[in-house]
Amino acid sequence: MAGRNSTRSLLIVAIIVLLLNTGLADAQPTGQQKAAGTSAIAFDNKSIGGAVTSHFGPEAGVWVIAETRDLGTRFAKIVVTDERGRYVIPDLPKANYRVWVRGYGLVDSEKVAAQPGQHLDLNAVTAPSLKEAAQYYPAAYWYSLLKIPDESRFPGTRDKGNGIPENFKTQQQWLNFIKTNGCGNCHQLGNYATRNIPEALGRSESSQDAWMQRLSVGPAGHVLARASRLTLIGWSTGAAKECRETGGQHDVKPESLIPSSHLSTKPG
């Protein structure tokens, strides 16, 4: 009787193990099944398509960029991956392309050669640090860090008190200049060129002095420098003194994201 019970127990255990293994096999797609999932993306011979993955799995919401210089001028198209990391770059002129991945929390992946009609799976590269990831943030992100003066500081009294230029009577007038009808009409603000002081311009005692030097160079330097003195806050007031004493870095919340090599101004 004991032997029969033992045999029955072993049989039950074997059946349970078999069921568990079968369930795990069904839940874990094979390499062929994974490949079939990505190759099922439909696109024509004028497109490049595939899937983007990293060591975290499929990468949703990242940019896939295809670029070529075979067409007489630089040509690029950018698309965004879906929730499964899939992408299709459509309607590409016949040319040799370099394709790579870019996104928040990533650094640019290796640029892979491809042609229209080709299936191309890509590997996203996770940024090794927050500092390096931050260098890929769009210009609008950096420009959004600009500190907006409180409404109570308007109208401006400049040297007589609040440091706001006198030609700004309201906060809305100031915002109109900063966001709509100012430098942004001709220049992208917040990009690398507008948040970095080239080392070739030398070192300055404060970020304020460094930026005045930066704005003064070039064919339109005298115009930019004059406009800055008329419109920017606190060039010769207590606010300017504070800027000099702190190197202008005291209000920059994500300062830790910026590599020290990119901070070319000397703290005061």
C-alpha atoms as a PDB file:
ATOM      1  CA  MET A   1       0.000   0.000   0.000  1.00  0.00           C
ATOM      2  CA  ALA A   2       2.805   2.399   0.923  1.00  0.00           C
ATOM      3  CA  GLY A   3       4.576   1.693  -2.370  1.00  0.00           C
ATOM      4  CA  ARG A   4       1.402   2.372  -4.342  1.00  0.00           C
ATOM      5  CA  ASN A   5       0.857   5.717  -2.551  1.00  0.00           C
ATOM      6  CA  SER A   6       4.451   6.686  -3.234  1.00  0.00           C
ATOM      7  CA  THR A   7       4.053   5.936  -6.944  1.00  0.00           C
ATOM      8  CA  ARG A   8       0.840   7.963  -7.071  1.00  0.00           C
ATOM      9  CA  SER A   9       2.528  10.941  -5.368  1.00  0.00           C
ATOM     10  CA  LEU A  10       5.424  10.833  -7.836  1.00  0.00           C
ATOM     11  CA  LEU A  11       2.970  10.722 -10.738  1.00  0.00           C
ATOM     12  CA  ILE A  12       1.108  13.782  -9.430  1.00  0.00           C
ATOM     13  CA  VAL A  13       4.383  15.705  -8.998  1.00  0.00           C
ATOM     14  CA  ALA A  14       5.468  14.771 -12.539  1.00  0.00           C
ATOM     15  CA  ILE A  15       2.156  15.992 -13.985  1.00  0.00           C
ATOM     16  CA  ILE A  16       2.447  19.325 -12.100  1.00  0.00           C
ATOM     17  CA  VAL A  17       6.022  19.856 -13.341  1.00  0.00           C
ATOM     18  CA  LEU A  18       4.947  19.054 -16.910  1.00  0.00           C
ATOM     19  CA  LEU A  19       2.067  21.564 -16.732  1.00  0.00           C
ATOM     20  CA  LEU A  20       4.325  24.277 -15.312  1.00  0.00           C
ATOM     21  CA  ASN A  21       6.920  23.768 -18.028  1.00  0.00           C
ATOM     22  CA  THR A  22       4.244  23.854 -20.712  1.00  0.00           C
ATOM     23  CA  GLY A  23       2.846  27.103 -19.305  1.00  0.00           C
ATOM     24  CA  LEU A  24       6.257  28.741 -19.182  1.00  0.00           C
ATOM     25  CA  ALA A  25       6.985  27.673 -22.745  1.00  0.00           C
ATOM     26  CA  ASP A  26       3.720  29.257 -23.900  1.00  0.00           C
ATOM     27  CA  ALA A  27       4.422  32.475 -21.961  1.00  0.00           C
ATOM     28  CA  GLN A  28       7.992  32.868 -23.268  1.00  0.00           C
ATOM     29  CA  PRO A  29       8.086  33.369 -27.064  1.00  0.00           C
ATOM     30  CA  THR A  30      10.972  31.720 -28.846  1.00  0.00           C
ATOM     31  CA  GLY A  31      13.560  33.665 -30.811  1.00  0.00           C
ATOM     32  CA  GLN A  32      11.724  32.703 -34.009  1.00  0.00           C
ATOM     33  CA  GLN A  33       8.433  33.980 -32.589  1.00  0.00           C
ATOM     34  CA  LYS A  34      10.085  37.274 -31.601  1.00  0.00           C
ATOM     35  CA  ALA A  35      11.575  37.633 -35.068  1.00  0.00           C
ATOM     36  CA  ALA A  36       8.193  36.887 -36.613  1.00  0.00           C
ATOM     37  CA  GLY A  37       6.625  39.596 -34.460  1.00  0.00           C
ATOM     38  CA  THR A  38       8.991  42.289 -35.739  1.00  0.00           C
ATOM     39  CA  SER A  39       9.100  41.066 -39.331  1.00  0.00           C
ATOM     40  CA  ALA A  40       5.290  41.299 -39.477  1.00  0.00           C
ATOM     41  CA  ILE A  41       5.612  45.102 -39.765  1.00  0.00           C
ATOM     42  CA  ALA A  42       4.207  46.026 -43.161  1.00  0.00           C
ATOM     43  CA  PHE A  43       6.061  48.563 -45.316  1.00  0.00           C
ATOM     44  CA  ASP A  44       6.836  49.018 -48.994  1.00  0.00           C
ATOM     45  CA  ASN A  45      10.087  49.322 -50.940  1.00  0.00           C
ATOM     46  CA  LYS A  46      10.183  53.075 -50.321  1.00  0.00           C
ATOM     47  CA  SER A  47      10.314  52.637 -46.557  1.00  0.00           C
ATOM     48  CA  ILE A  48      12.600  51.351 -43.806  1.00  0.00           C
ATOM     49  CA  GLY A  49      10.999  49.546 -40.878  1.00  0.00           C
ATOM     50  CA  GLY A  50      11.762  47.394 -37.877  1.00  0.00           C
ATOM     51  CA  ALA A  51      11.803  47.460 -34.094  1.00  0.00           C
ATOM     52  CA  VAL A  52      13.871  49.194 -31.432  1.00  0.00           C
ATOM     53  CA  THR A  53      14.910  47.416 -28.247  1.00  0.00           C
ATOM     54  CA  SER A  54      17.306  47.988 -25.364  1.00  0.00           C
ATOM     55  CA  HIS A  55      18.240  45.838 -22.389  1.00  0.00           C
ATOM     56  CA  PHE A  56      14.921  46.990 -20.887  1.00  0.00           C
ATOM     57  CA  GLY A  57      12.991  45.479 -23.816  1.00  0.00           C
ATOM     58  CA  PRO A  58      11.002  47.256 -26.574  1.00  0.00           C
ATOM     59  CA  GLU A  59      11.609  51.016 -26.613  1.00  0.00           C
ATOM     60  CA  ALA A  60       8.332  52.892 -27.085  1.00  0.00           C
ATOM     61  CA  GLY A  61       8.232  56.594 -27.939  1.00  0.00           C
ATOM     62  CA  VAL A  62      11.818  56.996 -29.111  1.00  0.00           C
ATOM     63  CA  TRP A  63      12.904  58.711 -32.315  1.00  0.00           C
ATOM     64  CA  VAL A  64      14.295  56.781 -35.275  1.00  0.00           C
ATOM     65  CA  ILE A  65      16.237  59.006 -37.662  1.00  0.00           C
ATOM     66  CA  ALA A  66      17.185  58.260 -41.267  1.00  0.00           C
ATOM     67  CA  GLU A  67      19.645  60.648 -42.899  1.00  0.00           C
ATOM     68  CA  THR A  68      21.392  60.837 -46.271  1.00  0.00           C
ATOM     69  CA  ARG A  69      23.614  63.255 -48.181  1.00  0.00           C
ATOM     70  CA  ASP A  70      23.138  61.521 -51.541  1.00  0.00           C
ATOM     71  CA  LEU A  71      20.431  63.925 -52.727  1.00  0.00           C
ATOM     72  CA  GLY A  72      22.467  67.098 -53.244  1.00  0.00           C
ATOM     73  CA  THR A  73      21.579  68.392 -49.774  1.00  0.00           C
ATOM     74  CA  ARG A  74      21.257  66.788 -46.365  1.00  0.00           C
ATOM     75  CA  PHE A  75      17.925  64.989 -46.110  1.00  0.00           C
ATOM     76  CA  ALA A  76      16.511  63.455 -42.934  1.00  0.00           C
ATOM     77  CA  LYS A  77      13.264  61.908 -41.745  1.00  0.00           C
ATOM     78  CA  ILE A  78      12.302  61.202 -38.140  1.00  0.00           C
ATOM     79  CA  VAL A  79       9.570  58.911 -36.820  1.00  0.00           C
ATOM     80  CA  VAL A  80       8.530  57.723 -33.342  1.00  0.00           C
ATOM     81  CA  THR A  81       8.229  54.090 -32.270  1.00  0.00           C
ATOM     82  CA  ASP A  82       4.890  52.662 -31.170  1.00  0.00           C
ATOM     83  CA  GLU A  83       4.122  50.952 -27.836  1.00  0.00           C
ATOM     84  CA  ARG A  84       5.895  47.785 -29.034  1.00  0.00           C
ATOM     85  CA  GLY A  85       8.995  49.644 -30.183  1.00  0.00           C
ATOM     86  CA  ARG A  86       8.113  49.289 -33.861  1.00  0.00           C
ATOM     87  CA  TYR A  87       8.675  51.957 -36.505  1.00  0.00           C
ATOM     88  CA  VAL A  88       8.297  52.659 -40.235  1.00  0.00           C
ATOM     89  CA  ILE A  89      10.043  55.537 -42.011  1.00  0.00           C
ATOM     90  CA  PRO A  90       7.890  56.007 -45.147  1.00  0.00           C
ATOM     91  CA  ASP A  91       8.326  57.585 -48.586  1.00  0.00           C
ATOM     92  CA  LEU A  92      12.100  57.727 -48.688  1.00  0.00           C
ATOM     93  CA  PRO A  93      13.796  58.812 -51.928  1.00  0.00           C
ATOM     94  CA  LYS A  94      16.174  56.165 -53.251  1.00  0.00           C
ATOM     95  CA  ALA A  95      19.528  56.733 -51.511  1.00  0.00           C
ATOM     96  CA  ASN A  96      21.940  55.287 -48.985  1.00  0.00           C
ATOM     97  CA  TYR A  97      20.809  56.177 -45.457  1.00  0.00           C
ATOM     98  CA  ARG A  98      22.286  56.138 -41.993  1.00  0.00           C
ATOM     99  CA  VAL A  99      19.693  55.182 -39.388  1.00  0.00           C
ATOM    100  CA  TRP A 100      19.934  55.561 -35.625  1.00  0.00           C
ATOM    101  CA  VAL A 101      17.929  55.914 -32.400  1.00  0.00           C
ATOM    102  CA  ARG A 102      17.599  58.961 -30.161  1.00  0.00           C
ATOM    103  CA  GLY A 103      15.409  59.574 -27.118  1.00  0.00           C
ATOM    104  CA  TYR A 104      15.046  60.727 -23.541  1.00  0.00           C
ATOM    105  CA  GLY A 105      17.340  58.752 -21.260  1.00  0.00           C
ATOM    106  CA  LEU A 106      19.365  57.539 -24.228  1.00  0.00           C
ATOM    107  CA  VAL A 107      22.455  58.580 -26.135  1.00  0.00           C
ATOM    108  CA  ASP A 108      22.534  58.301 -29.916  1.00  0.00           C
ATOM    109  CA  SER A 109      22.915  54.714 -31.057  1.00  0.00           C
ATOM    110  CA  GLU A 110      25.374  53.577 -33.697  1.00  0.00           C
ATOM    111  CA  LYS A 111      24.435  54.840 -37.164  1.00  0.00           C
ATOM    112  CA  VAL A 112      23.569  51.832 -39.316  1.00  0.00           C
ATOM    113  CA  ALA A 113      23.653  51.807 -43.126  1.00  0.00           C
ATOM    114  CA  ALA A 114      20.296  51.037 -44.756  1.00  0.00           C
ATOM    115  CA  GLN A 115      18.296  51.486 -47.949  1.00  0.00           C
ATOM    116  CA  PRO A 116      14.558  51.831 -48.648  1.00  0.00           C
ATOM    117  CA  GLY A 117      12.785  48.479 -48.578  1.00  0.00           C
ATOM    118  CA  GLN A 118      15.069  47.124 -45.855  1.00  0.00           C
ATOM    119  CA  HIS A 119      13.954  45.616 -42.536  1.00  0.00           C
ATOM    120  CA  LEU A 120      16.200  47.029 -39.824  1.00  0.00           C
ATOM    121  CA  ASP A 121      16.011  46.260 -36.099  1.00  0.00           C
ATOM    122  CA  LEU A 122      17.941  48.730 -33.948  1.00  0.00           C
ATOM    123  CA  ASN A 123      19.477  48.675 -30.474  1.00  0.00           C
ATOM    124  CA  ALA A 124      18.866  51.717 -28.281  1.00  0.00           C
ATOM    125  CA  VAL A 125      21.758  52.799 -26.044  1.00  0.00           C
ATOM    126  CA  THR A 126      20.893  53.819 -22.483  1.00  0.00           C
ATOM    127  CA  ALA A 127      22.720  56.957 -21.333  1.00  0.00           C
ATOM    128  CA  PRO A 128      25.493  56.140 -18.836  1.00  0.00           C
ATOM    129  CA  SER A 129      24.607  59.203 -16.738  1.00  0.00           C
ATOM    130  CA  LEU A 130      21.991  61.930 -16.344  1.00  0.00           C
ATOM    131  CA  LYS A 131      24.552  64.466 -17.526  1.00  0.00           C
ATOM    132  CA  GLU A 132      25.016  62.739 -20.844  1.00  0.00           C
ATOM    133  CA  ALA A 133      21.285  62.128 -21.269  1.00  0.00           C
ATOM    134  CA  ALA A 134      20.562  65.829 -20.735  1.00  0.00           C
ATOM    135  CA  GLN A 135      22.643  66.849 -23.751  1.00  0.00           C
ATOM    136  CA  TYR A 136      19.968  65.360 -26.026  1.00  0.00           C
ATOM    137  CA  TYR A 137      17.062  67.290 -24.490  1.00  0.00           C
ATOM    138  CA  PRO A 138      15.420  69.604 -27.063  1.00  0.00           C
ATOM    139  CA  ALA A 139      16.044  73.343 -27.014  1.00  0.00           C
ATOM    140  CA  ALA A 140      12.513  74.042 -25.760  1.00  0.00           C
ATOM    141  CA  TYR A 141      13.238  72.037 -22.588  1.00  0.00           C
ATOM    142  CA  TRP A 142      16.234  74.199 -21.721  1.00  0.00           C
ATOM    143  CA  TYR A 143      14.445  77.435 -22.641  1.00  0.00           C
ATOM    144  CA  SER A 144      11.557  76.442 -20.357  1.00  0.00           C
ATOM    145  CA  LEU A 145      13.970  76.714 -17.392  1.00  0.00           C
ATOM    146  CA  LEU A 146      14.057  80.495 -17.838  1.00  0.00           C
ATOM    147  CA  LYS A 147      12.836  82.124 -14.632  1.00  0.00           C
ATOM    148  CA  ILE A 148       9.849  84.400 -15.281  1.00  0.00           C
ATOM    149  CA  PRO A 149       9.724  87.566 -13.114  1.00  0.00           C
ATOM    150  CA  ASP A 150       6.702  87.740 -10.834  1.00  0.00           C
ATOM    151  CA  GLU A 151       3.855  90.089 -11.817  1.00  0.00           C
ATOM    152  CA  SER A 152       4.615  92.177  -8.733  1.00  0.00           C
ATOM    153  CA  ARG A 153       7.904  93.300 -10.328  1.00  0.00           C
ATOM    154  CA  PHE A 154       6.111  95.215 -13.095  1.00  0.00           C
ATOM    155  CA  PRO A 155       6.133  97.929 -14.286  1.00  0.00           C
ATOM    156  CA  GLY A 156       9.898  97.981 -14.542  1.00  0.00           C
ATOM    157  CA  THR A 157      11.910 100.592 -12.648  1.00  0.00           C
ATOM    158  CA  ARG A 158      15.365  99.353 -13.646  1.00  0.00           C
ATOM    159  CA  ASP A 159      18.110 101.131 -11.632  1.00  0.00           C
ATOM    160  CA  LYS A 160      15.488 102.846  -9.470  1.00  0.00           C
ATOM    161  CA  GLY A 161      14.448  99.596  -7.834  1.00  0.00           C
ATOM    162  CA  ASN A 162      13.405  96.256  -9.285  1.00  0.00           C
ATOM    163  CA  GLY A 163      15.913  95.855 -12.132  1.00  0.00           C
ATOM    164  CA  ILE A 164      13.204  95.263 -14.766  1.00  0.00           C
ATOM    165  CA  PRO A 165      13.771  97.474 -17.846  1.00  0.00           C
ATOM    166  CA  GLU A 166      11.426 100.455 -17.792  1.00  0.00           C
ATOM    167  CA  ASN A 167       9.998  99.705 -21.241  1.00  0.00           C
ATOM    168  CA  PHE A 168       8.285  96.605 -19.813  1.00  0.00           C
ATOM    169  CA  LYS A 169       5.080  97.776 -18.174  1.00  0.00           C
ATOM    170  CA  THR A 170       3.487  94.349 -17.558  1.00  0.00           C
ATOM    171  CA  GLN A 171       4.538  90.735 -17.234  1.00  0.00           C
ATOM    172  CA  GLN A 172       2.562  89.914 -20.387  1.00  0.00           C
ATOM    173  CA  GLN A 173       4.573  92.468 -22.357  1.00  0.00           C
ATOM    174  CA  TRP A 174       7.782  90.862 -21.098  1.00  0.00           C
ATOM    175  CA  LEU A 175       6.507  87.367 -22.003  1.00  0.00           C
ATOM    176  CA  ASN A 176       5.509  88.575 -25.466  1.00  0.00           C
ATOM    177  CA  PHE A 177       9.081  89.668 -26.073  1.00  0.00           C
ATOM    178  CA  ILE A 178      10.649  86.538 -24.591  1.00  0.00           C
ATOM    179  CA  LYS A 179       8.299  83.983 -26.179  1.00  0.00           C
ATOM    180  CA  THR A 180       6.931  85.520 -29.384  1.00  0.00           C
ATOM    181  CA  ASN A 181       8.254  88.806 -30.721  1.00  0.00           C
ATOM    182  CA  GLY A 182      11.864  88.824 -29.593  1.00  0.00           C
ATOM    183  CA  CYS A 183      15.043  86.914 -30.419  1.00  0.00           C
ATOM    184  CA  GLY A 184      13.055  83.771 -31.144  1.00  0.00           C
ATOM    185  CA  ASN A 185      11.851  85.206 -34.443  1.00  0.00           C
ATOM    186  CA  CYS A 186      15.307  84.627 -35.912  1.00  0.00           C
ATOM    187  CA  HIS A 187      17.084  82.243 -33.539  1.00  0.00           C
ATOM    188  CA  GLN A 188      16.353  78.968 -31.789  1.00  0.00           C
ATOM    189  CA  LEU A 189      16.687  79.683 -28.075  1.00  0.00           C
ATOM    190  CA  GLY A 190      17.749  76.979 -25.647  1.00  0.00           C
ATOM    191  CA  ASN A 191      19.902  75.090 -28.142  1.00  0.00           C
ATOM    192  CA  TYR A 192      23.550  74.292 -27.475  1.00  0.00           C
ATOM    193  CA  ALA A 193      24.798  77.534 -29.021  1.00  0.00           C
ATOM    194  CA  THR A 194      22.601  79.635 -26.716  1.00  0.00           C
ATOM    195  CA  ARG A 195      23.509  77.823 -23.491  1.00  0.00           C
ATOM    196  CA  ASN A 196      27.241  77.394 -23.976  1.00  0.00           C
ATOM    197  CA  ILE A 197      30.112  79.873 -23.922  1.00  0.00           C
ATOM    198  CA  PRO A 198      32.868  78.790 -26.364  1.00  0.00           C
ATOM    199  CA  GLU A 199      36.248  78.485 -24.691  1.00  0.00           C
ATOM    200  CA  ALA A 200      37.753  80.538 -27.546  1.00  0.00           C
ATOM    201  CA  LEU A 201      36.022  83.618 -26.088  1.00  0.00           C
ATOM    202  CA  GLY A 202      38.072  83.326 -22.905  1.00  0.00           C
ATOM    203  CA  ARG A 203      37.035  83.222 -19.259  1.00  0.00           C
ATOM    204  CA  SER A 204      34.870  85.787 -17.493  1.00  0.00           C
ATOM    205  CA  GLU A 205      34.353  86.795 -13.887  1.00  0.00           C
ATOM    206  CA  SER A 206      30.616  86.033 -14.062  1.00  0.00           C
ATOM    207  CA  SER A 207      28.095  84.429 -16.382  1.00  0.00           C
ATOM    208  CA  GLN A 208      26.662  87.918 -16.981  1.00  0.00           C
ATOM    209  CA  ASP A 209      29.996  89.226 -18.295  1.00  0.00           C
ATOM    210  CA  ALA A 210      30.519  86.035 -20.292  1.00  0.00           C
ATOM    211  CA  TRP A 211      27.191  86.367 -22.063  1.00  0.00           C
ATOM    212  CA  MET A 212      27.726  90.016 -22.856  1.00  0.00           C
ATOM    213  CA  GLN A 213      31.025  89.012 -24.455  1.00  0.00           C
ATOM    214  CA  ARG A 214      29.264  86.184 -26.305  1.00  0.00           C
ATOM    215  CA  LEU A 215      26.577  88.524 -27.664  1.00  0.00           C
ATOM    216  CA  SER A 216      29.101  91.157 -28.699  1.00  0.00           C
ATOM    217  CA  VAL A 217      30.995  88.991 -31.194  1.00  0.00           C
ATOM    218  CA  GLY A 218      30.026  88.536 -34.824  1.00  0.00           C
ATOM    219  CA  PRO A 219      28.662  90.896 -37.508  1.00  0.00           C
ATOM    220  CA  ALA A 220      25.558  91.835 -35.488  1.00  0.00           C
ATOM    221  CA  GLY A 221      27.330  91.894 -32.127  1.00  0.00           C
ATOM    222  CA  HIS A 222      26.795  95.595 -31.487  1.00  0.00           C
ATOM    223  CA  VAL A 223      23.045  95.226 -32.165  1.00  0.00           C
ATOM    224  CA  LEU A 224      22.665  92.220 -29.869  1.00  0.00           C
ATOM    225  CA  ALA A 225      24.666  93.826 -27.081  1.00  0.00           C
ATOM    226  CA  ARG A 226      22.594  97.015 -27.254  1.00  0.00           C
ATOM    227  CA  ALA A 227      19.303  95.073 -27.320  1.00  0.00           C
ATOM    228  CA  SER A 228      20.430  93.025 -24.329  1.00  0.00           C
ATOM    229  CA  ARG A 229      21.147  96.120 -22.262  1.00  0.00           C
ATOM    230  CA  LEU A 230      17.728  97.534 -23.128  1.00  0.00           C
ATOM    231  CA  THR A 231      15.725  94.394 -22.454  1.00  0.00           C
ATOM    232  CA  LEU A 232      17.481  92.055 -20.040  1.00  0.00           C
ATOM    233  CA  ILE A 233      16.940  92.273 -16.321  1.00  0.00           C
ATOM    234  CA  GLY A 234      19.336  93.845 -13.900  1.00  0.00           C
ATOM    235  CA  TRP A 235      22.475  94.621 -15.878  1.00  0.00           C
ATOM    236  CA  SER A 236      23.544  97.299 -13.414  1.00  0.00           C
ATOM    237  CA  THR A 237      21.379  96.697 -10.356  1.00  0.00           C
ATOM    238  CA  GLY A 238      21.396  94.569  -7.245  1.00  0.00           C
ATOM    239  CA  ALA A 239      20.284  91.655  -9.384  1.00  0.00           C
ATOM    240  CA  ALA A 240      23.428  92.027 -11.452  1.00  0.00           C
ATOM    241  CA  LYS A 241      25.513  92.110  -8.269  1.00  0.00           C
ATOM    242  CA  GLU A 242      23.880  88.863  -7.148  1.00  0.00           C
ATOM    243  CA  CYS A 243      24.570  87.338 -10.551  1.00  0.00           C
ATOM    244  CA  ARG A 244      28.235  88.305 -10.268  1.00  0.00           C
ATOM    245  CA  GLU A 245      28.550  86.856  -6.773  1.00  0.00           C
ATOM    246  CA  THR A 246      27.001  83.502  -7.692  1.00  0.00           C
ATOM    247  CA  GLY A 247      28.256  83.102 -11.236  1.00  0.00           C
ATOM    248  CA  GLY A 248      24.651  83.210 -12.439  1.00  0.00           C
ATOM    249  CA  GLN A 249      24.112  79.548 -11.543  1.00  0.00           C
ATOM    250  CA  HIS A 250      21.927  79.874  -8.441  1.00  0.00           C
ATOM    251  CA  ASP A 251      18.579  79.492 -10.193  1.00  0.00           C
ATOM    252  CA  VAL A 252      19.517  76.636 -12.512  1.00  0.00           C
ATOM    253  CA  LYS A 253      17.761  73.678 -10.924  1.00  0.00           C
ATOM    254  CA  PRO A 254      19.175  70.923 -13.189  1.00  0.00           C
ATOM    255  CA  GLU A 255      22.760  72.190 -12.963  1.00  0.00           C
ATOM    256  CA  SER A 256      23.860  68.716 -11.936  1.00  0.00           C
ATOM    257  CA  LEU A 257      22.769  67.434 -15.339  1.00  0.00           C
ATOM    258  CA  ILE A 258      25.262  69.610 -17.215  1.00  0.00           C
ATOM    259  CA  PRO A 259      28.819  68.321 -17.637  1.00  0.00           C
ATOM    260  CA  SER A 260      31.384  70.549 -15.952  1.00  0.00           C
ATOM    261  CA  SER A 261      33.237  70.760 -19.267  1.00  0.00           C
ATOM    262  CA  HIS A 262      30.232  72.642 -20.672  1.00  0.00           C
ATOM    263  CA  LEU A 263      30.229  75.235 -17.883  1.00  0.00           C
ATOM    264  CA  SER A 264      32.903  77.498 -19.277  1.00  0.00           C
ATOM    265  CA  THR A 265      32.193  80.491 -17.080  1.00  0.00           C
ATOM    266  CA  LYS A 266      34.128  80.812 -13.825  1.00  0.00           C
ATOM    267  CA  PRO A 267      32.049  80.982 -10.617  1.00  0.00           C
ATOM    268  CA  GLY A 268      32.347  84.257  -8.737  1.00  0.00           C
END
